[in-house]
Each structure stands twice: as C-alpha cells, then as structure tokens.
PDB file of N, CA and C in Angstrom:
ATOM      1  N   MET A   1       0.915  -1.139   0.032  1.00  0.00           N
ATOM      2  CA  MET A   1       0.005   0.044   0.020  1.00  0.00           C
ATOM      3  C   MET A   1       0.947   1.225   0.093  1.00  0.00           C
ATOM      4  N   TYR A   2       0.505   2.189  -0.754  1.00  0.00           N
ATOM      5  CA  TYR A   2       1.251   3.399  -0.807  1.00  0.00           C
ATOM      6  C   TYR A   2       0.382   4.637  -0.531  1.00  0.00           C
ATOM      7  N   ILE A   3       0.807   5.640   0.229  1.00  0.00           N
ATOM      8  CA  ILE A   3       0.112   6.824   0.586  1.00  0.00           C
ATOM      9  C   ILE A   3       0.872   8.020   0.238  1.00  0.00           C
ATOM     10  N   SER A   4       0.339   8.882  -0.531  1.00  0.00           N
ATOM     11  CA  SER A   4       0.897  10.392  -0.609  1.00  0.00           C
ATOM     12  C   SER A   4      -0.119  11.260   0.029  1.00  0.00           C
ATOM     13  N   LEU A   5       0.463  12.010   1.097  1.00  0.00           N
ATOM     14  CA  LEU A   5      -0.471  12.703   1.912  1.00  0.00           C
ATOM     15  C   LEU A   5      -0.063  14.145   2.172  1.00  0.00           C
ATOM     16  N   TYR A   6      -0.821  15.174   1.928  1.00  0.00           N
ATOM     17  CA  TYR A   6      -0.569  16.512   2.103  1.00  0.00           C
ATOM     18  C   TYR A   6      -1.441  16.973   3.467  1.00  0.00           C
ATOM     19  N   VAL A   7      -0.576  17.337   4.434  1.00  0.00           N
ATOM     20  CA  VAL A   7      -1.109  17.647   5.702  1.00  0.00           C
ATOM     21  C   VAL A   7      -0.952  19.066   6.036  1.00  0.00           C
ATOM     22  N   GLN A   8      -2.072  19.624   6.696  1.00  0.00           N
ATOM     23  CA  GLN A   8      -2.069  21.110   7.007  1.00  0.00           C
ATOM     24  C   GLN A   8      -1.351  21.228   8.225  1.00  0.00           C
ATOM     25  N   THR A   9       0.017  21.323   8.209  1.00  0.00           N
ATOM     26  CA  THR A   9       0.893  21.645   9.206  1.00  0.00           C
ATOM     27  C   THR A   9       2.280  22.005   8.702  1.00  0.00           C
ATOM     28  N   ARG A  10       2.976  22.563   9.429  1.00  0.00           N
ATOM     29  CA  ARG A  10       4.368  22.855   9.256  1.00  0.00           C
ATOM     30  C   ARG A  10       5.424  22.079   9.908  1.00  0.00           C
ATOM     31  N   GLN A  11       4.907  21.062  10.742  1.00  0.00           N
ATOM     32  CA  GLN A  11       5.751  20.355  11.536  1.00  0.00           C
ATOM     33  C   GLN A  11       5.822  18.812  11.044  1.00  0.00           C
ATOM     34  N   PRO A  12       6.914  18.343  10.719  1.00  0.00           N
ATOM     35  CA  PRO A  12       7.167  17.049  10.183  1.00  0.00           C
ATOM     36  C   PRO A  12       6.620  15.933  11.187  1.00  0.00           C
ATOM     37  N   ASP A  13       6.767  16.228  12.433  1.00  0.00           N
ATOM     38  CA  ASP A  13       6.265  15.152  13.525  1.00  0.00           C
ATOM     39  C   ASP A  13       4.721  15.070  13.430  1.00  0.00           C
ATOM     40  N   GLU A  14       4.044  16.205  13.265  1.00  0.00           N
ATOM     41  CA  GLU A  14       2.519  16.298  13.262  1.00  0.00           C
ATOM     42  C   GLU A  14       2.226  15.554  11.938  1.00  0.00           C
ATOM     43  N   ALA A  15       2.771  15.650  10.864  1.00  0.00           N
ATOM     44  CA  ALA A  15       2.447  15.080   9.663  1.00  0.00           C
ATOM     45  C   ALA A  15       2.612  13.520   9.723  1.00  0.00           C
ATOM     46  N   ARG A  16       3.821  13.146  10.378  1.00  0.00           N
ATOM     47  CA  ARG A  16       3.910  11.705  10.580  1.00  0.00           C
ATOM     48  C   ARG A  16       2.895  11.099  11.572  1.00  0.00           C
ATOM     49  N   ALA A  17       2.486  11.826  12.549  1.00  0.00           N
ATOM     50  CA  ALA A  17       1.478  11.305  13.530  1.00  0.00           C
ATOM     51  C   ALA A  17       0.325  11.147  12.805  1.00  0.00           C
ATOM     52  N   LEU A  18      -0.134  12.052  12.015  1.00  0.00           N
ATOM     53  CA  LEU A  18      -1.384  11.792  11.291  1.00  0.00           C
ATOM     54  C   LEU A  18      -1.304  10.669  10.364  1.00  0.00           C
ATOM     55  N   LEU A  19      -0.250  10.407   9.808  1.00  0.00           N
ATOM     56  CA  LEU A  19      -0.072   9.286   8.834  1.00  0.00           C
ATOM     57  C   LEU A  19      -0.209   8.028   9.608  1.00  0.00           C
ATOM     58  N   MET A  20       0.414   7.894  10.809  1.00  0.00           N
ATOM     59  CA  MET A  20       0.366   6.764  11.603  1.00  0.00           C
ATOM     60  C   MET A  20      -1.128   6.592  12.091  1.00  0.00           C
ATOM     61  N   GLU A  21      -1.813   7.598  12.290  1.00  0.00           N
ATOM     62  CA  GLU A  21      -3.268   7.473  12.741  1.00  0.00           C
ATOM     63  C   GLU A  21      -4.035   6.961  11.577  1.00  0.00           C
ATOM     64  N   ILE A  22      -3.794   7.360  10.479  1.00  0.00           N
ATOM     65  CA  ILE A  22      -4.473   6.844   9.180  1.00  0.00           C
ATOM     66  C   ILE A  22      -4.178   5.307   9.104  1.00  0.00           C
ATOM     67  N   ILE A  23      -2.892   4.943   9.128  1.00  0.00           N
ATOM     68  CA  ILE A  23      -2.438   3.546   8.949  1.00  0.00           C
ATOM     69  C   ILE A  23      -3.143   2.742  10.080  1.00  0.00           C
ATOM     70  N   SER A  24      -3.079   3.152  11.315  1.00  0.00           N
ATOM     71  CA  SER A  24      -3.601   2.366  12.410  1.00  0.00           C
ATOM     72  C   SER A  24      -5.187   2.065  12.209  1.00  0.00           C
ATOM     73  N   SER A  25      -5.848   3.098  11.573  1.00  0.00           N
ATOM     74  CA  SER A  25      -7.226   2.914  11.244  1.00  0.00           C
ATOM     75  C   SER A  25      -7.682   1.730  10.422  1.00  0.00           C
ATOM     76  N   THR A  26      -6.608   1.175   9.683  1.00  0.00           N
ATOM     77  CA  THR A  26      -6.774   0.036   8.794  1.00  0.00           C
ATOM     78  C   THR A  26      -7.192  -1.167   9.783  1.00  0.00           C
ATOM     79  N   GLY A  27      -6.737  -1.100  11.020  1.00  0.00           N
ATOM     80  CA  GLY A  27      -6.854  -2.224  11.819  1.00  0.00           C
ATOM     81  C   GLY A  27      -6.033  -3.495  11.507  1.00  0.00           C
ATOM     82  N   ARG A  28      -4.896  -3.180  10.771  1.00  0.00           N
ATOM     83  CA  ARG A  28      -3.927  -4.121  10.436  1.00  0.00           C
ATOM     84  C   ARG A  28      -2.514  -3.809  10.990  1.00  0.00           C
ATOM     85  N   ASP A  29      -1.738  -4.865  11.078  1.00  0.00           N
ATOM     86  CA  ASP A  29      -0.458  -4.704  11.401  1.00  0.00           C
ATOM     87  C   ASP A  29       0.482  -4.338  10.184  1.00  0.00           C
ATOM     88  N   VAL A  30       1.387  -3.437  10.482  1.00  0.00           N
ATOM     89  CA  VAL A  30       2.250  -3.051   9.351  1.00  0.00           C
ATOM     90  C   VAL A  30       3.527  -3.727   9.540  1.00  0.00           C
ATOM     91  N   THR A  31       3.878  -4.673   8.358  1.00  0.00           N
ATOM     92  CA  THR A  31       5.005  -5.471   8.527  1.00  0.00           C
ATOM     93  C   THR A  31       6.333  -4.697   8.270  1.00  0.00           C
ATOM     94  N   THR A  32       6.320  -3.800   7.162  1.00  0.00           N
ATOM     95  CA  THR A  32       7.415  -3.006   6.699  1.00  0.00           C
ATOM     96  C   THR A  32       6.923  -1.682   6.221  1.00  0.00           C
ATOM     97  N   TYR A  33       7.749  -0.699   6.288  1.00  0.00           N
ATOM     98  CA  TYR A  33       7.274   0.596   5.672  1.00  0.00           C
ATOM     99  C   TYR A  33       8.601   1.378   5.352  1.00  0.00           C
ATOM    100  N   THR A  34       8.384   2.021   4.326  1.00  0.00           N
ATOM    101  CA  THR A  34       9.636   2.954   3.814  1.00  0.00           C
ATOM    102  C   THR A  34       9.072   4.368   3.532  1.00  0.00           C
ATOM    103  N   TYR A  35       9.611   5.370   4.218  1.00  0.00           N
ATOM    104  CA  TYR A  35       9.207   6.749   3.980  1.00  0.00           C
ATOM    105  C   TYR A  35      10.123   7.237   2.679  1.00  0.00           C
ATOM    106  N   GLU A  36       9.287   7.705   1.784  1.00  0.00           N
ATOM    107  CA  GLU A  36       9.865   8.300   0.523  1.00  0.00           C
ATOM    108  C   GLU A  36      10.063   9.748   0.780  1.00  0.00           C
ATOM    109  N   LYS A  37       9.108  10.442   1.404  1.00  0.00           N
ATOM    110  CA  LYS A  37       9.328  11.851   1.722  1.00  0.00           C
ATOM    111  C   LYS A  37       8.609  12.261   3.035  1.00  0.00           C
ATOM    112  N   ASN A  38       9.062  13.288   3.548  1.00  0.00           N
ATOM    113  CA  ASN A  38       8.413  13.903   4.755  1.00  0.00           C
ATOM    114  C   ASN A  38       8.963  15.297   4.708  1.00  0.00           C
ATOM    115  N   GLU A  39       8.458  16.323   3.911  1.00  0.00           N
ATOM    116  CA  GLU A  39       8.993  17.552   3.646  1.00  0.00           C
ATOM    117  C   GLU A  39       8.018  18.554   3.539  1.00  0.00           C
ATOM    118  N   HIS A  40       8.407  19.835   3.594  1.00  0.00           N
ATOM    119  CA  HIS A  40       7.562  20.933   3.272  1.00  0.00           C
ATOM    120  C   HIS A  40       7.109  20.924   1.788  1.00  0.00           C
ATOM    121  N   TYR A  41       5.826  21.145   1.609  1.00  0.00           N
ATOM    122  CA  TYR A  41       5.389  21.235   0.123  1.00  0.00           C
ATOM    123  C   TYR A  41       5.787  22.466  -0.558  1.00  0.00           C
ATOM    124  N   TRP A  42       6.518  22.447  -1.628  1.00  0.00           N
ATOM    125  CA  TRP A  42       7.030  23.702  -2.197  1.00  0.00           C
ATOM    126  C   TRP A  42       6.020  24.597  -2.629  1.00  0.00           C
ATOM    127  N   LYS A  43       4.805  24.208  -2.915  1.00  0.00           N
ATOM    128  CA  LYS A  43       3.737  25.108  -3.364  1.00  0.00           C
ATOM    129  C   LYS A  43       3.059  25.710  -2.242  1.00  0.00           C
ATOM    130  N   ASN A  44       3.130  25.380  -1.099  1.00  0.00           N
ATOM    131  CA  ASN A  44       2.435  25.916  -0.064  1.00  0.00           C
ATOM    132  C   ASN A  44       3.160  25.699   1.294  1.00  0.00           C
ATOM    133  N   GLU A  45       3.570  26.774   1.910  1.00  0.00           N
ATOM    134  CA  GLU A  45       4.438  26.748   3.039  1.00  0.00           C
ATOM    135  C   GLU A  45       3.646  26.061   4.272  1.00  0.00           C
ATOM    136  N   GLY A  46       2.310  26.138   4.304  1.00  0.00           N
ATOM    137  CA  GLY A  46       1.528  25.522   5.351  1.00  0.00           C
ATOM    138  C   GLY A  46       1.301  24.138   5.217  1.00  0.00           C
ATOM    139  N   LEU A  47       1.923  23.407   4.302  1.00  0.00           N
ATOM    140  CA  LEU A  47       1.548  21.968   4.144  1.00  0.00           C
ATOM    141  C   LEU A  47       2.893  21.124   4.158  1.00  0.00           C
ATOM    142  N   MET A  48       2.754  19.882   4.708  1.00  0.00           N
ATOM    143  CA  MET A  48       3.706  18.938   4.660  1.00  0.00           C
ATOM    144  C   MET A  48       3.345  17.886   3.609  1.00  0.00           C
ATOM    145  N   HIS A  49       4.276  17.438   2.908  1.00  0.00           N
ATOM    146  CA  HIS A  49       4.008  16.296   1.885  1.00  0.00           C
ATOM    147  C   HIS A  49       4.748  15.190   2.407  1.00  0.00           C
ATOM    148  N   ILE A  50       4.059  14.005   2.722  1.00  0.00           N
ATOM    149  CA  ILE A  50       4.677  12.765   3.159  1.00  0.00           C
ATOM    150  C   ILE A  50       4.146  11.771   2.307  1.00  0.00           C
ATOM    151  N   GLU A  51       5.208  10.871   1.983  1.00  0.00           N
ATOM    152  CA  GLU A  51       4.923   9.657   1.146  1.00  0.00           C
ATOM    153  C   GLU A  51       5.454   8.548   1.880  1.00  0.00           C
ATOM    154  N   VAL A  52       4.690   7.395   2.020  1.00  0.00           N
ATOM    155  CA  VAL A  52       5.236   6.126   2.518  1.00  0.00           C
ATOM    156  C   VAL A  52       4.622   4.971   1.904  1.00  0.00           C
ATOM    157  N   GLU A  53       5.404   3.894   1.751  1.00  0.00           N
ATOM    158  CA  GLU A  53       5.029   2.674   1.256  1.00  0.00           C
ATOM    159  C   GLU A  53       5.084   1.697   2.251  1.00  0.00           C
ATOM    160  N   PHE A  54       4.048   0.881   2.537  1.00  0.00           N
ATOM    161  CA  PHE A  54       4.006  -0.032   3.544  1.00  0.00           C
ATOM    162  C   PHE A  54       3.322  -1.440   3.218  1.00  0.00           C
ATOM    163  N   LEU A  55       3.492  -2.455   4.009  1.00  0.00           N
ATOM    164  CA  LEU A  55       2.837  -3.759   3.710  1.00  0.00           C
ATOM    165  C   LEU A  55       2.091  -4.006   4.971  1.00  0.00           C
ATOM    166  N   LEU A  56       0.713  -4.304   4.647  1.00  0.00           N
ATOM    167  CA  LEU A  56      -0.241  -4.660   5.699  1.00  0.00           C
ATOM    168  C   LEU A  56      -0.344  -6.195   5.802  1.00  0.00           C
ATOM    169  N   THR A  57      -0.511  -6.628   7.107  1.00  0.00           N
ATOM    170  CA  THR A  57      -0.856  -8.155   7.317  1.00  0.00           C
ATOM    171  C   THR A  57      -2.036  -8.308   8.111  1.00  0.00           C
ATOM    172  N   PRO A  58      -3.131  -8.944   7.512  1.00  0.00           N
ATOM    173  CA  PRO A  58      -3.361  -9.241   6.168  1.00  0.00           C
ATOM    174  C   PRO A  58      -3.835  -8.034   5.328  1.00  0.00           C
ATOM    175  N   SER A  59      -3.831  -8.100   4.016  1.00  0.00           N
ATOM    176  CA  SER A  59      -4.253  -7.003   3.251  1.00  0.00           C
ATOM    177  C   SER A  59      -5.727  -6.775   3.359  1.00  0.00           C
ATOM    178  N   LEU A  60      -6.187  -5.584   2.924  1.00  0.00           N
ATOM    179  CA  LEU A  60      -7.691  -5.215   3.058  1.00  0.00           C
ATOM    180  C   LEU A  60      -8.381  -5.750   1.901  1.00  0.00           C
ATOM    181  N   SER A  61      -9.550  -6.440   2.185  1.00  0.00           N
ATOM    182  CA  SER A  61     -10.555  -6.782   1.234  1.00  0.00           C
ATOM    183  C   SER A  61     -11.174  -5.536   0.533  1.00  0.00           C
ATOM    184  N   LYS A  62     -11.878  -5.790  -0.417  1.00  0.00           N
ATOM    185  CA  LYS A  62     -12.645  -4.659  -1.070  1.00  0.00           C
ATOM    186  C   LYS A  62     -13.584  -4.014  -0.078  1.00  0.00           C
ATOM    187  N   ASP A  63     -14.335  -4.758   0.636  1.00  0.00           N
ATOM    188  CA  ASP A  63     -15.285  -4.020   1.677  1.00  0.00           C
ATOM    189  C   ASP A  63     -14.453  -3.454   2.741  1.00  0.00           C
ATOM    190  N   GLU A  64     -13.504  -3.932   3.156  1.00  0.00           N
ATOM    191  CA  GLU A  64     -12.652  -3.317   4.217  1.00  0.00           C
ATOM    192  C   GLU A  64     -11.924  -1.972   3.677  1.00  0.00           C
ATOM    193  N   ARG A  65     -11.680  -1.917   2.427  1.00  0.00           N
ATOM    194  CA  ARG A  65     -11.209  -0.715   1.857  1.00  0.00           C
ATOM    195  C   ARG A  65     -12.079   0.253   1.853  1.00  0.00           C
ATOM    196  N   LYS A  66     -13.353   0.041   1.485  1.00  0.00           N
ATOM    197  CA  LYS A  66     -14.451   1.107   1.450  1.00  0.00           C
ATOM    198  C   LYS A  66     -14.771   1.564   2.854  1.00  0.00           C
ATOM    199  N   CYS A  67     -14.752   0.678   3.903  1.00  0.00           N
ATOM    200  CA  CYS A  67     -14.922   1.131   5.263  1.00  0.00           C
ATOM    201  C   CYS A  67     -13.732   2.119   5.740  1.00  0.00           C
ATOM    202  N   PHE A  68     -12.400   1.727   5.393  1.00  0.00           N
ATOM    203  CA  PHE A  68     -11.245   2.424   5.714  1.00  0.00           C
ATOM    204  C   PHE A  68     -11.341   3.844   4.976  1.00  0.00           C
ATOM    205  N   LEU A  69     -11.662   3.818   3.585  1.00  0.00           N
ATOM    206  CA  LEU A  69     -11.766   5.162   2.915  1.00  0.00           C
ATOM    207  C   LEU A  69     -12.855   5.974   3.565  1.00  0.00           C
ATOM    208  N   ALA A  70     -13.979   5.499   3.926  1.00  0.00           N
ATOM    209  CA  ALA A  70     -15.107   6.183   4.507  1.00  0.00           C
ATOM    210  C   ALA A  70     -14.611   6.858   5.847  1.00  0.00           C
ATOM    211  N   LYS A  71     -13.703   6.388   6.479  1.00  0.00           N
ATOM    212  CA  LYS A  71     -13.182   7.002   7.822  1.00  0.00           C
ATOM    213  C   LYS A  71     -12.427   8.319   7.537  1.00  0.00           C
ATOM    214  N   LEU A  72     -11.843   8.414   6.232  1.00  0.00           N
ATOM    215  CA  LEU A  72     -11.060   9.474   5.750  1.00  0.00           C
ATOM    216  C   LEU A  72     -11.737  10.516   5.092  1.00  0.00           C
ATOM    217  N   SER A  73     -12.596  10.321   4.209  1.00  0.00           N
ATOM    218  CA  SER A  73     -13.445  11.154   3.384  1.00  0.00           C
ATOM    219  C   SER A  73     -14.663  10.597   2.825  1.00  0.00           C
ATOM    220  N   ASP A  74     -15.641  11.461   2.521  1.00  0.00           N
ATOM    221  CA  ASP A  74     -16.865  10.989   1.936  1.00  0.00           C
ATOM    222  C   ASP A  74     -16.862  11.150   0.360  1.00  0.00           C
ATOM    223  N   LYS A  75     -15.853  11.652  -0.239  1.00  0.00           N
ATOM    224  CA  LYS A  75     -15.572  11.789  -1.534  1.00  0.00           C
ATOM    225  C   LYS A  75     -14.383  11.370  -2.154  1.00  0.00           C
ATOM    226  N   TRP A  76     -14.289  10.193  -2.895  1.00  0.00           N
ATOM    227  CA  TRP A  76     -13.093   9.693  -3.583  1.00  0.00           C
ATOM    228  C   TRP A  76     -13.225   9.604  -4.965  1.00  0.00           C
ATOM    229  N   ILE A  77     -12.077   9.825  -5.603  1.00  0.00           N
ATOM    230  CA  ILE A  77     -11.962   9.776  -7.077  1.00  0.00           C
ATOM    231  C   ILE A  77     -11.150   8.605  -7.394  1.00  0.00           C
ATOM    232  N   TYR A  78     -11.671   7.744  -8.219  1.00  0.00           N
ATOM    233  CA  TYR A  78     -11.054   6.432  -8.508  1.00  0.00           C
ATOM    234  C   TYR A  78     -10.203   6.830  -9.847  1.00  0.00           C
ATOM    235  N   LEU A  79      -8.867   6.424  -9.785  1.00  0.00           N
ATOM    236  CA  LEU A  79      -7.985   6.788 -10.860  1.00  0.00           C
ATOM    237  C   LEU A  79      -7.549   5.553 -11.676  1.00  0.00           C
ATOM    238  N   GLY A  80      -6.888   5.814 -12.852  1.00  0.00           N
ATOM    239  CA  GLY A  80      -6.405   4.662 -13.642  1.00  0.00           C
ATOM    240  C   GLY A  80      -7.056   4.771 -15.043  1.00  0.00           C
ATOM    241  N   ASN A  81      -6.554   4.072 -15.990  1.00  0.00           N
ATOM    242  CA  ASN A  81      -7.035   4.064 -17.330  1.00  0.00           C
ATOM    243  C   ASN A  81      -7.015   2.561 -17.826  1.00  0.00           C
ATOM    244  N   PRO A  82      -7.967   1.799 -17.776  1.00  0.00           N
ATOM    245  CA  PRO A  82      -9.323   2.217 -17.286  1.00  0.00           C
ATOM    246  C   PRO A  82      -9.449   2.561 -15.844  1.00  0.00           C
ATOM    247  N   VAL A  83     -10.567   3.180 -15.437  1.00  0.00           N
ATOM    248  CA  VAL A  83     -10.712   3.324 -13.946  1.00  0.00           C
ATOM    249  C   VAL A  83     -10.633   1.956 -13.077  1.00  0.00           C
ATOM    250  N   ARG A  84      -9.776   2.091 -12.063  1.00  0.00           N
ATOM    251  CA  ARG A  84      -9.739   0.860 -11.261  1.00  0.00           C
ATOM    252  C   ARG A  84     -10.026   1.226  -9.846  1.00  0.00           C
ATOM    253  N   GLU A  85     -10.143   0.215  -8.906  1.00  0.00           N
ATOM    254  CA  GLU A  85     -10.510   0.404  -7.578  1.00  0.00           C
ATOM    255  C   GLU A  85      -9.304   0.483  -6.753  1.00  0.00           C
ATOM    256  N   ASP A  86      -8.062   0.256  -7.307  1.00  0.00           N
ATOM    257  CA  ASP A  86      -6.760   0.281  -6.460  1.00  0.00           C
ATOM    258  C   ASP A  86      -5.974   1.526  -6.324  1.00  0.00           C
ATOM    259  N   GLU A  87      -6.478   2.662  -6.846  1.00  0.00           N
ATOM    260  CA  GLU A  87      -5.893   3.896  -6.606  1.00  0.00           C
ATOM    261  C   GLU A  87      -7.021   4.928  -6.634  1.00  0.00           C
ATOM    262  N   VAL A  88      -6.902   5.680  -5.471  1.00  0.00           N
ATOM    263  CA  VAL A  88      -7.888   6.645  -5.244  1.00  0.00           C
ATOM    264  C   VAL A  88      -7.324   7.994  -4.602  1.00  0.00           C
ATOM    265  N   LEU A  89      -8.088   9.074  -4.819  1.00  0.00           N
ATOM    266  CA  LEU A  89      -7.724  10.408  -4.362  1.00  0.00           C
ATOM    267  C   LEU A  89      -8.782  11.082  -3.779  1.00  0.00           C
ATOM    268  N   ALA A  90      -8.525  11.772  -2.609  1.00  0.00           N
ATOM    269  CA  ALA A  90      -9.455  12.614  -2.004  1.00  0.00           C
ATOM    270  C   ALA A  90      -8.822  13.923  -1.663  1.00  0.00           C
ATOM    271  N   SER A  91      -9.588  15.053  -1.893  1.00  0.00           N
ATOM    272  CA  SER A  91      -9.067  16.342  -1.568  1.00  0.00           C
ATOM    273  C   SER A  91     -10.109  17.268  -0.839  1.00  0.00           C
ATOM    274  N   LEU A  92      -9.591  18.061  -0.121  1.00  0.00           N
ATOM    275  CA  LEU A  92     -10.447  19.073   0.622  1.00  0.00           C
ATOM    276  C   LEU A  92     -11.168  19.929  -0.322  1.00  0.00           C
ATOM    277  N   THR A  93     -10.680  20.267  -1.441  1.00  0.00           N
ATOM    278  CA  THR A  93     -11.421  21.100  -2.483  1.00  0.00           C
ATOM    279  C   THR A  93     -12.115  20.329  -3.567  1.00  0.00           C
ATOM    280  N   ALA A  94     -12.191  18.983  -3.493  1.00  0.00           N
ATOM    281  CA  ALA A  94     -12.983  18.265  -4.542  1.00  0.00           C
ATOM    282  C   ALA A  94     -14.401  18.541  -4.446  1.00  0.00           C
ATOM    283  N   GLU A  95     -14.970  18.693  -5.587  1.00  0.00           N
ATOM    284  CA  GLU A  95     -16.364  18.998  -5.688  1.00  0.00           C
ATOM    285  C   GLU A  95     -17.134  17.835  -4.993  1.00  0.00           C
ATOM    286  N   GLY A  96     -18.065  18.184  -4.229  1.00  0.00           N
ATOM    287  CA  GLY A  96     -18.872  17.235  -3.549  1.00  0.00           C
ATOM    288  C   GLY A  96     -18.250  16.681  -2.276  1.00  0.00           C
ATOM    289  N   CYS A  97     -17.182  17.131  -1.780  1.00  0.00           N
ATOM    290  CA  CYS A  97     -16.566  16.762  -0.664  1.00  0.00           C
ATOM    291  C   CYS A  97     -17.133  17.436   0.542  1.00  0.00           C
ATOM    292  N   ASN A  98     -17.841  16.695   1.342  1.00  0.00           N
ATOM    293  CA  ASN A  98     -18.434  17.261   2.661  1.00  0.00           C
ATOM    294  C   ASN A  98     -17.528  17.071   3.836  1.00  0.00           C
ATOM    295  N   TYR A  99     -16.777  15.987   3.816  1.00  0.00           N
ATOM    296  CA  TYR A  99     -16.067  15.506   4.885  1.00  0.00           C
ATOM    297  C   TYR A  99     -14.635  15.071   4.474  1.00  0.00           C
ATOM    298  N   ILE A 100     -13.693  15.531   5.233  1.00  0.00           N
ATOM    299  CA  ILE A 100     -12.310  14.870   4.999  1.00  0.00           C
ATOM    300  C   ILE A 100     -11.629  14.958   6.321  1.00  0.00           C
ATOM    301  N   LYS A 101     -10.932  13.917   6.754  1.00  0.00           N
ATOM    302  CA  LYS A 101     -10.328  13.888   8.191  1.00  0.00           C
ATOM    303  C   LYS A 101      -9.521  15.123   8.379  1.00  0.00           C
ATOM    304  N   THR A 102      -9.795  15.638   9.620  1.00  0.00           N
ATOM    305  CA  THR A 102      -9.097  16.972  10.066  1.00  0.00           C
ATOM    306  C   THR A 102      -7.627  16.767   9.758  1.00  0.00           C
ATOM    307  N   GLY A 103      -7.053  17.896   9.121  1.00  0.00           N
ATOM    308  CA  GLY A 103      -5.640  17.907   8.908  1.00  0.00           C
ATOM    309  C   GLY A 103      -5.134  17.496   7.536  1.00  0.00           C
ATOM    310  N   ILE A 104      -6.076  16.808   6.857  1.00  0.00           N
ATOM    311  CA  ILE A 104      -5.835  16.253   5.522  1.00  0.00           C
ATOM    312  C   ILE A 104      -6.167  17.387   4.512  1.00  0.00           C
ATOM    313  N   GLU A 105      -5.242  17.863   3.669  1.00  0.00           N
ATOM    314  CA  GLU A 105      -5.680  18.631   2.509  1.00  0.00           C
ATOM    315  C   GLU A 105      -5.958  17.744   1.200  1.00  0.00           C
ATOM    316  N   MET A 106      -4.998  16.788   1.053  1.00  0.00           N
ATOM    317  CA  MET A 106      -5.195  15.813  -0.089  1.00  0.00           C
ATOM    318  C   MET A 106      -4.521  14.480   0.317  1.00  0.00           C
ATOM    319  N   ILE A 107      -5.107  13.321  -0.177  1.00  0.00           N
ATOM    320  CA  ILE A 107      -4.551  12.070   0.056  1.00  0.00           C
ATOM    321  C   ILE A 107      -4.616  11.286  -1.201  1.00  0.00           C
ATOM    322  N   ASN A 108      -3.705  10.628  -1.564  1.00  0.00           N
ATOM    323  CA  ASN A 108      -3.638   9.695  -2.792  1.00  0.00           C
ATOM    324  C   ASN A 108      -3.171   8.235  -2.098  1.00  0.00           C
ATOM    325  N   ILE A 109      -3.971   7.224  -2.434  1.00  0.00           N
ATOM    326  CA  ILE A 109      -3.772   5.943  -1.799  1.00  0.00           C
ATOM    327  C   ILE A 109      -3.737   4.916  -3.114  1.00  0.00           C
ATOM    328  N   ILE A 110      -2.740   4.055  -3.052  1.00  0.00           N
ATOM    329  CA  ILE A 110      -2.670   2.922  -3.940  1.00  0.00           C
ATOM    330  C   ILE A 110      -2.620   1.664  -3.180  1.00  0.00           C
ATOM    331  N   PHE A 111      -3.684   0.857  -3.417  1.00  0.00           N
ATOM    332  CA  PHE A 111      -3.767  -0.293  -2.727  1.00  0.00           C
ATOM    333  C   PHE A 111      -2.930  -1.429  -3.295  1.00  0.00           C
TER     334      PHE A 111
END
C-alpha cells in the first residue's frame, strides 16, 4: 500500500503522527514501511508532503477498503485508465466533498 499525503501543518512530526493514525485505522499490522518523503510542500508553506510505502498483514478486502476510505473522506476519485479500484484520491477542495479527516488537504492511496 502506498500513501501520498498533504497535511495542514508545518511540523514534520505532526504530519507523521497523522499518517500513523491513518495507517492504524486500517486495523492491520504493518510489517514493513519505507518513507519516501516527509518535507514541506514547495507550493504551499503551510503543508507537509509525506509519502510512505508499507505492507499490511493481512491486506484489506474490497469491503474493508470501502470502510477504511469512509473514515478518511466522503468523496473519493478512482484513478487509472481504465478506472480501477486500487488507486484513489481525496481532496478538501474536490467538488462534492463534505467531509475529510481533520488535517488532510489531499491524500492519494494505491492499494
């Protein structure tokens, strides 16, 4: 699983804490993880951009994915060509977004 997360903070530790909260909400154990980024987003000084790749044990079923995503946002865009269910994007500014977890500006997840 891969997450690219834009967090409304200037503190790397706060961004990492939100990411860990998101990962723990899967209800799964993380066997390995690799941070790709944890840095200030160059387009907006008030955002941190954090990227991490990790392995869950066991992986999430399609129904569990839907429950997990609903905890984070009520509006998800499914990506890919053709559109697939394994890459999703949610954004605070997306049309029709009424709820997104506090602190998240945008999140991209690849299952």
